[in-house]
Structure formats: structure tokens, C-alpha cells
Protein backbone atom coordinates (compact mmCIF):
# COMPACT_ATOMS: atom_id res chain seq x y z
CA MET A 1 123.22 76.52 160.10
CA PRO A 2 121.44 77.25 156.67
CA LEU A 3 123.54 78.62 153.81
CA ARG A 4 126.88 77.25 154.57
CA PRO A 5 128.60 76.48 151.27
CA ARG A 6 130.98 74.08 153.02
CA SER A 7 130.23 70.46 154.10
CA THR A 8 128.44 70.23 157.38
CA GLY A 9 128.26 67.61 160.22
CA ALA A 10 130.10 64.49 160.48
CA SER A 11 128.50 63.07 157.32
CA GLY A 12 130.09 65.52 155.06
CA SER A 13 126.96 66.30 153.38
CA PRO A 14 127.33 69.59 151.17
CA GLY A 15 125.38 72.59 152.06
CA PRO A 16 122.82 74.42 149.78
CA GLN A 17 124.13 74.95 146.27
CA ALA A 18 123.67 77.85 144.08
CA THR A 19 122.04 77.94 140.70
CA PHE A 20 122.43 80.54 138.25
CA THR A 21 120.25 82.52 135.97
CA ALA A 22 120.97 83.27 132.35
CA ALA A 23 121.63 86.98 133.48
CA GLY A 24 124.11 85.61 136.24
CA ALA A 25 122.24 85.95 139.16
CA ALA A 26 122.72 83.24 141.74
CA VAL A 27 119.84 81.61 143.49
CA VAL A 28 120.06 79.59 146.81
CA SER A 29 117.23 77.67 148.61
CA VAL A 30 117.08 78.46 152.17
CA PRO A 31 115.58 75.33 154.50
CA ASN A 32 112.95 76.48 157.22
CA ASP A 33 114.94 79.24 158.63
CA ARG A 34 113.74 80.94 162.15
CA THR A 35 114.85 84.14 161.24
CA LEU A 36 113.42 84.36 157.73
CA GLY A 37 110.31 82.64 159.30
CA GLY A 38 110.12 79.80 156.83
CA PRO A 39 111.64 78.33 153.69
CA ALA A 40 113.05 81.09 151.38
CA ARG A 41 114.92 81.37 148.09
CA VAL A 42 117.72 84.27 148.28
CA THR A 43 118.72 85.68 144.87
CA VAL A 44 122.08 87.53 144.66
CA SER A 45 122.33 89.92 141.59
CA PRO A 46 125.15 89.21 139.19
CA ASP A 47 127.39 92.13 140.71
CA ALA A 48 126.41 90.87 144.35
CA ARG A 49 125.06 94.47 145.02
CA VAL A 50 121.62 93.36 145.72
CA TYR A 51 120.50 90.56 147.71
CA THR A 52 116.74 89.33 147.88
CA ALA A 53 115.09 86.70 150.26
CA GLU A 54 111.67 85.65 149.44
CA VAL A 55 110.07 83.53 152.04
CA LEU A 56 107.66 81.12 150.69
CA ASP A 57 104.31 79.32 151.70
CA GLY A 58 104.47 76.75 149.01
CA ASP A 59 104.82 78.68 145.73
CA LYS A 60 103.53 81.92 147.12
CA VAL A 61 105.83 84.75 148.27
CA VAL A 62 104.67 85.95 151.57
CA ARG A 63 107.52 88.20 152.46
CA ARG A 64 110.27 89.97 150.55
CA ILE A 65 113.57 91.36 151.95
CA THR A 66 115.86 93.10 149.66
CA ALA A 67 119.34 94.72 150.89
CA THR A 68 120.97 97.00 148.24
CA TYR A 69 124.30 98.08 148.53
CA LYS A 70 124.87 101.90 148.74
CA GLU A 71 128.18 103.56 148.10
CA GLU A 72 128.33 106.89 149.53
CA LYS A 73 130.74 109.00 147.35
CA GLY A 74 132.11 111.88 148.94
CA ALA A 75 130.17 111.44 152.31
CA GLY A 76 131.84 111.20 155.37
CA LYS A 77 131.56 111.54 159.06
CA THR A 78 133.34 114.35 161.35
CA ALA A 79 135.83 112.70 163.95
CA SER A 80 136.09 114.17 167.14
CA ARG A 81 138.65 113.35 169.79
CA VAL A 82 137.19 111.85 173.08
CA GLY A 83 139.75 110.33 175.52
CA ARG A 84 141.88 107.85 173.69
CA GLY A 85 139.27 107.22 171.05
CA LEU A 86 137.32 108.73 168.18
CA LEU A 87 133.72 109.54 168.14
CA TYR A 88 132.12 110.24 164.81
CA GLY A 89 129.33 113.10 164.33
CA ALA A 90 127.25 114.23 161.50
CA SER A 91 128.44 114.22 157.92
CA GLY A 92 129.85 117.45 156.72
CA GLY A 93 132.13 118.78 159.24
CA PHE A 94 134.67 121.66 159.37
CA ARG A 95 137.55 122.02 157.12
CA GLY A 96 140.55 119.94 158.25
CA SER A 97 138.51 117.40 160.04
CA VAL A 98 138.87 113.65 159.74
CA GLN A 99 136.67 112.19 157.17
CA GLU A 100 135.55 108.49 156.99
CA VAL A 101 133.63 107.26 154.23
CA LYS A 102 130.61 104.67 155.21
CA ASP A 103 129.27 102.57 152.90
CA SER A 104 126.12 100.62 153.77
CA PHE A 105 123.01 98.56 152.74
CA GLU A 106 119.78 99.91 152.34
CA MET A 107 117.36 97.28 153.53
CA GLU A 108 113.47 96.90 152.14
CA THR A 109 110.85 94.50 153.73
CA MET A 110 107.62 93.89 152.19
CA ASP A 111 105.00 91.93 153.74
CA SER A 112 102.04 89.78 152.30
CA ASN A 113 99.84 92.68 152.33
CA GLY A 114 102.17 94.81 150.14
CA ALA A 115 103.35 97.26 153.01
CA THR A 116 106.73 98.03 152.80
CA SER A 117 109.50 99.68 155.36
CA LYS A 118 112.92 100.79 154.57
CA THR A 119 115.86 100.82 156.72
CA ARG A 120 119.68 101.47 156.66
CA VAL A 121 121.92 98.85 157.88
CA GLU A 122 125.90 99.68 158.63
CA VAL A 123 128.61 97.09 159.34
CA PRO A 124 129.33 96.25 162.77
CA GLY A 125 130.51 99.40 164.99
CA ALA A 126 129.78 101.95 162.02
CA GLY A 127 129.48 105.44 163.48
CA LYS A 128 130.14 104.36 166.94
CA SER A 129 133.34 105.07 169.16
CA LYS A 130 136.41 103.19 167.94
CA VAL A 131 136.81 102.21 171.67
CA ALA A 132 134.28 99.56 171.18
CA SER A 133 135.61 96.10 171.14
CA ARG A 134 135.15 93.62 168.11
CA GLN A 135 132.78 91.32 170.18
CA GLU A 136 130.54 94.66 171.16
CA GLN A 137 130.40 95.44 167.37
CA ALA A 138 129.36 92.07 166.48
CA ASN A 139 126.46 91.93 169.12
CA ASP A 140 125.43 95.19 167.67
CA VAL A 141 124.73 93.30 164.44
CA PHE A 142 123.51 89.86 165.88
CA ASP A 143 121.15 91.28 168.21
CA SER A 144 119.53 92.98 165.38
CA LEU A 145 117.17 91.28 163.15
CA ASN A 146 118.39 93.04 160.09
CA GLY A 147 121.78 92.23 161.16
CA ARG A 148 120.84 88.32 161.03
CA PHE A 149 119.26 89.07 157.54
CA MET A 150 122.71 90.39 156.54
CA VAL A 151 124.56 87.30 157.71
CA ILE A 152 122.00 85.26 155.76
CA PHE A 153 122.88 87.41 152.73
CA TYR A 154 126.42 86.84 153.41
CA ARG A 155 125.92 82.92 153.24
CA ALA A 156 124.32 83.22 150.28
CA LYS A 157 126.96 84.93 148.59
CA GLU A 158 129.52 82.49 149.99
CA ALA A 159 127.52 79.67 148.33
CA ALA A 160 127.40 81.58 144.90
CA LEU A 161 131.14 82.15 144.86
CA ALA A 162 131.60 78.54 145.86
CA ALA A 163 129.51 77.30 143.05
CA LYS A 164 131.23 79.73 140.62
CA ALA A 165 134.55 78.27 141.69
CA GLN A 166 133.22 74.82 140.78
CA ASN A 167 132.65 76.23 137.36
CA VAL A 168 128.97 75.70 137.47
CA SER A 169 127.11 76.19 134.31
CA ALA A 170 126.01 79.71 133.70
CA SER A 171 128.21 81.15 136.38
CA ALA A 172 130.42 83.10 134.02
CA ALA A 173 127.91 86.36 134.29
CA PHE A 174 128.19 86.17 138.05
CA ASN A 175 130.78 88.85 138.54
CA PRO A 176 130.70 90.39 142.14
CA ASP A 177 131.59 94.19 142.78
CA SER A 178 134.66 93.87 144.95
CA LYS A 179 133.53 96.94 147.27
CA ALA A 180 130.05 95.52 147.91
CA VAL A 181 131.61 91.98 148.63
CA ALA A 182 133.88 93.39 151.14
CA LEU A 183 131.48 95.40 152.92
CA ILE A 184 128.91 92.33 153.20
CA ASP A 185 131.99 90.17 154.19
CA GLN A 186 132.22 92.26 157.34
CA PHE A 187 128.64 90.99 158.56
CA GLY A 188 130.07 87.44 158.28
CA ALA A 189 133.38 88.28 159.79
CA ASN A 190 132.09 87.04 163.23
CA ASP A 191 129.90 84.41 161.66
CA LYS A 192 131.82 81.65 163.75
CA ASP A 193 130.92 83.05 166.99
CA LEU A 194 127.00 82.49 166.27
CA ASN A 195 125.56 79.73 168.18
CA ALA A 196 121.70 78.37 168.00
CA SER A 197 120.85 80.50 170.80
CA THR A 198 122.01 83.76 169.09
CA ILE A 199 120.89 83.35 165.54
CA SER A 200 117.20 82.16 166.67
CA LYS A 201 116.43 85.05 169.02
């Protein structure tokens, strides 16, 4: 699979390595990836809150996908007890209701014609019944194209952290935000469960 910072295969050949800009952003090259639809470069902002994949045709960018971490200060979902689980409804609620803050990523996609679309991407199981199993929550993400993009961004972040740990030149300014990293890590929590048929749908 692309973007694994650890060694792959019996030969032990290393995965893609991150390089760093003067401002501290990490840049990871991605081979011809089925989800992205071609070779790409993924840029992770110095604070790891913004992830951008640029799909390339030679030197030309033919598609750009950007995920931006959104911190929902003070927002929450009202919880209602249904059976033995909790179901989360609209934000606001009533006094004394159980509140749960849900941060998310805002995904923006731009095609070669300049047309853009935006959507909100939540972590596995967000806003759903807490009765749902971990695997059901994982499937919600991995069956979604945007969810698979988020796994690619997660792996790029892992490659950047691995490079920083090796004291790569110019990595000092790469200083990930702990909340943003914790959230995107949830997209990679079930990475080991992925297989070729799942990731290439």
C-alpha cells in the first residue's frame, strides 16, 4: 500500500520519505494510487491541520483534494437513550442533556476545470449509535471515497513524523497539533484491516 513510512515487503525496502519545506510543511510523493486516480504529492501543513493531495499528469496538477481540521468549540450533539445505547441528535439540545463535542475535517475537491465541491468528513461512527461495532464504524469510512482519502492523508502524516524522528533537515518547524493528529489517527486506527479489494473499490 502507498504511503507507509515503515519498511514494506520481504526485501525491507523503505516506504516513501517525507521532505520538508523551509516553512516546515511535509511533502510526500505518492505512486500511481487507485484512490487518487494517479501519481500525486501530499503536503501536510507544519501543524498537521491541513492535508493537500495534488494529483499529477506530468508536472500539471489535474486534481486537488484538501482536508482541513475543524475544531468545533462549544458545539455538541444531544444524546437520547434508546435501549441500551445513546443516539446523538442535532446540536443545541436542552439543559441537562449529555453533550459530546465532535471535531471533523472539511474536505474540498477541485477538478481540472476548476470546479470545487465541499463536504464534511467525520471520524468512524461519529454521530451514530454507540451500539455500532468498531468494524461497522470502520466500514463506514473505508466504503467512502472521502474516507479513503483520509487514510491516505493519515499515512502521509505518519511518513512525516517518521522523517522528523530521523532528524531530517528542515523538519524542526514541523510541529503537529495534538488534537488534529489525534483526530486523523482515528482514520488509521483500522488501517491493518484494509486489503487490496477494499482500498481499490
